[in-house]
N, C-alpha and C. Protein backbone atom coordinates (compact mmCIF):
# COMPACT_ATOMS: atom_id res chain seq x y z
N MET A 1 -4.84 -9.73 -2.24
CA MET A 1 -4.02 -10.50 -2.33
C MET A 1 -3.05 -9.66 -1.87
N GLU A 2 -2.01 -9.61 -0.76
CA GLU A 2 -1.34 -8.99 0.14
C GLU A 2 0.17 -9.75 -0.27
N ARG A 3 1.07 -8.73 -0.61
CA ARG A 3 2.17 -8.56 -1.03
C ARG A 3 3.30 -8.72 0.31
N VAL A 4 3.88 -9.70 0.09
CA VAL A 4 4.83 -9.89 1.91
C VAL A 4 6.24 -9.13 0.90
N LYS A 5 6.40 -8.38 1.92
CA LYS A 5 7.99 -7.58 1.41
C LYS A 5 8.96 -8.10 2.79
N LEU A 6 9.96 -8.45 1.75
CA LEU A 6 11.04 -9.49 2.62
C LEU A 6 12.19 -8.07 2.68
N ASP A 7 13.07 -7.92 3.74
CA ASP A 7 14.64 -7.28 3.72
C ASP A 7 15.63 -8.03 3.32
N LEU A 8 16.79 -7.55 3.84
CA LEU A 8 18.13 -7.78 2.94
C LEU A 8 18.32 -9.08 3.73
N TRP A 9 17.86 -10.09 4.65
CA TRP A 9 18.30 -10.99 5.36
C TRP A 9 16.76 -11.67 5.04
N GLY A 10 15.81 -11.57 4.74
CA GLY A 10 14.86 -12.48 3.90
C GLY A 10 13.30 -12.46 5.44
N TYR A 11 13.35 -11.27 6.30
CA TYR A 11 12.68 -11.02 7.61
C TYR A 11 11.25 -10.35 6.89
N GLU A 12 10.43 -10.26 7.32
CA GLU A 12 9.24 -9.71 6.57
C GLU A 12 9.12 -8.26 7.15
N VAL A 13 8.85 -7.58 6.24
CA VAL A 13 8.45 -6.02 6.68
C VAL A 13 7.60 -5.72 6.84
N ARG A 14 6.98 -4.87 7.32
CA ARG A 14 5.37 -3.98 7.44
C ARG A 14 5.22 -3.08 7.58
N THR A 15 4.73 -2.00 7.23
CA THR A 15 4.86 -0.36 7.60
C THR A 15 3.40 -0.37 7.94
N SER A 16 3.18 1.16 8.35
CA SER A 16 2.24 1.57 8.81
C SER A 16 1.38 1.95 7.19
N SER A 17 2.05 2.01 6.03
CA SER A 17 1.60 2.26 4.49
C SER A 17 0.69 0.91 4.78
N ASP A 18 1.11 -0.16 5.03
CA ASP A 18 0.19 -1.33 4.22
C ASP A 18 -0.46 -1.65 5.44
N SER A 19 -0.78 -1.33 7.28
CA SER A 19 -2.04 -1.46 7.26
C SER A 19 -2.89 -0.89 6.81
N CYS A 20 -2.81 0.51 6.42
CA CYS A 20 -3.79 1.49 5.58
C CYS A 20 -4.19 0.88 4.84
N ILE A 21 -3.25 0.39 3.53
CA ILE A 21 -3.61 -0.17 2.56
C ILE A 21 -4.77 -1.38 2.86
N SER A 22 -4.21 -2.29 3.43
CA SER A 22 -5.03 -3.31 3.59
C SER A 22 -7.06 -2.62 4.40
N ALA A 23 -6.32 -1.74 5.70
CA ALA A 23 -7.74 -2.16 5.26
C ALA A 23 -8.41 -1.10 4.50
N ILE A 24 -8.21 -0.02 3.50
CA ILE A 24 -9.04 0.46 2.56
C ILE A 24 -9.74 -0.70 1.39
N ASP A 25 -8.13 -1.57 1.49
CA ASP A 25 -8.79 -2.84 0.65
C ASP A 25 -10.24 -3.64 0.88
N SER A 26 -10.16 -4.55 2.35
CA SER A 26 -11.44 -4.30 2.60
C SER A 26 -12.18 -3.91 2.70
N TYR A 27 -11.95 -2.36 3.05
CA TYR A 27 -13.37 -1.17 2.64
C TYR A 27 -14.00 -1.11 1.53
N TYR A 28 -12.82 -1.22 0.48
CA TYR A 28 -13.69 -1.51 -1.29
C TYR A 28 -13.86 -3.00 -1.63
N HIS A 29 -13.40 -3.42 -0.85
CA HIS A 29 -14.24 -5.26 -1.27
C HIS A 29 -15.31 -5.37 -1.04
N GLN A 30 -15.87 -4.60 0.34
CA GLN A 30 -16.76 -5.12 0.98
C GLN A 30 -18.10 -4.33 0.45
N LEU A 31 -17.69 -3.17 -0.44
CA LEU A 31 -18.25 -2.21 -1.30
C LEU A 31 -18.21 -2.49 -2.76
N ASN A 32 -17.50 -3.84 -2.89
CA ASN A 32 -17.82 -4.38 -4.39
C ASN A 32 -17.70 -2.71 -5.23
N LEU A 33 -16.36 -2.04 -5.15
CA LEU A 33 -16.27 -1.21 -5.77
C LEU A 33 -14.86 -1.44 -6.42
N PRO A 34 -14.55 -1.31 -7.30
CA PRO A 34 -12.95 -1.19 -8.20
C PRO A 34 -12.22 -0.25 -7.90
N TYR A 35 -11.01 -0.45 -8.13
CA TYR A 35 -10.22 0.16 -7.36
C TYR A 35 -8.74 0.12 -7.52
N GLN A 36 -7.83 0.92 -8.29
CA GLN A 36 -6.38 0.41 -7.88
C GLN A 36 -5.30 1.03 -7.03
N VAL A 37 -4.39 0.18 -6.16
CA VAL A 37 -3.60 1.03 -5.79
C VAL A 37 -2.65 1.21 -6.64
N VAL A 38 -1.89 2.49 -6.47
CA VAL A 38 -0.93 3.14 -7.56
C VAL A 38 -0.10 4.06 -5.99
N SER A 39 1.13 3.50 -6.29
CA SER A 39 2.31 4.58 -5.51
C SER A 39 2.88 5.32 -6.21
N ILE A 40 3.66 6.54 -5.70
CA ILE A 40 4.22 7.30 -6.44
C ILE A 40 5.59 8.46 -4.84
N VAL A 41 6.15 8.37 -5.98
CA VAL A 41 7.36 8.57 -5.33
C VAL A 41 6.55 10.57 -5.26
N SER A 42 6.21 10.55 -4.34
CA SER A 42 6.15 12.09 -3.98
C SER A 42 7.37 13.39 -3.46
N GLY A 43 8.72 12.54 -3.71
CA GLY A 43 9.25 13.62 -3.38
C GLY A 43 10.06 14.14 -4.68
N ALA A 44 9.56 13.26 -6.02
CA ALA A 44 9.35 14.03 -7.59
C ALA A 44 8.20 14.93 -7.58
N LEU A 45 7.79 14.99 -6.56
CA LEU A 45 6.30 15.92 -6.56
C LEU A 45 6.80 17.51 -6.34
N ASN A 46 7.70 17.75 -5.23
CA ASN A 46 8.33 18.89 -5.43
C ASN A 46 7.21 18.89 -4.11
N ASP A 47 6.88 20.37 -3.45
CA ASP A 47 6.09 20.77 -2.67
C ASP A 47 4.31 20.18 -3.46
N ALA A 48 4.47 19.97 -4.88
CA ALA A 48 2.97 19.63 -5.39
C ALA A 48 2.09 18.87 -4.27
N ALA A 49 2.88 18.20 -3.69
CA ALA A 49 2.42 16.34 -2.68
C ALA A 49 1.61 17.20 -1.54
């Protein structure tokens, strides 16, 4: 299920990361592998990211 992000005025917002996640999603579905998408804030990891 793909979530649609809306901006302040109600227009759909798509980013390059959305395209990557969609491609990975379809790949894992073809392989029937379980997975979970996790969002992290890389700034909170300092240089470890």
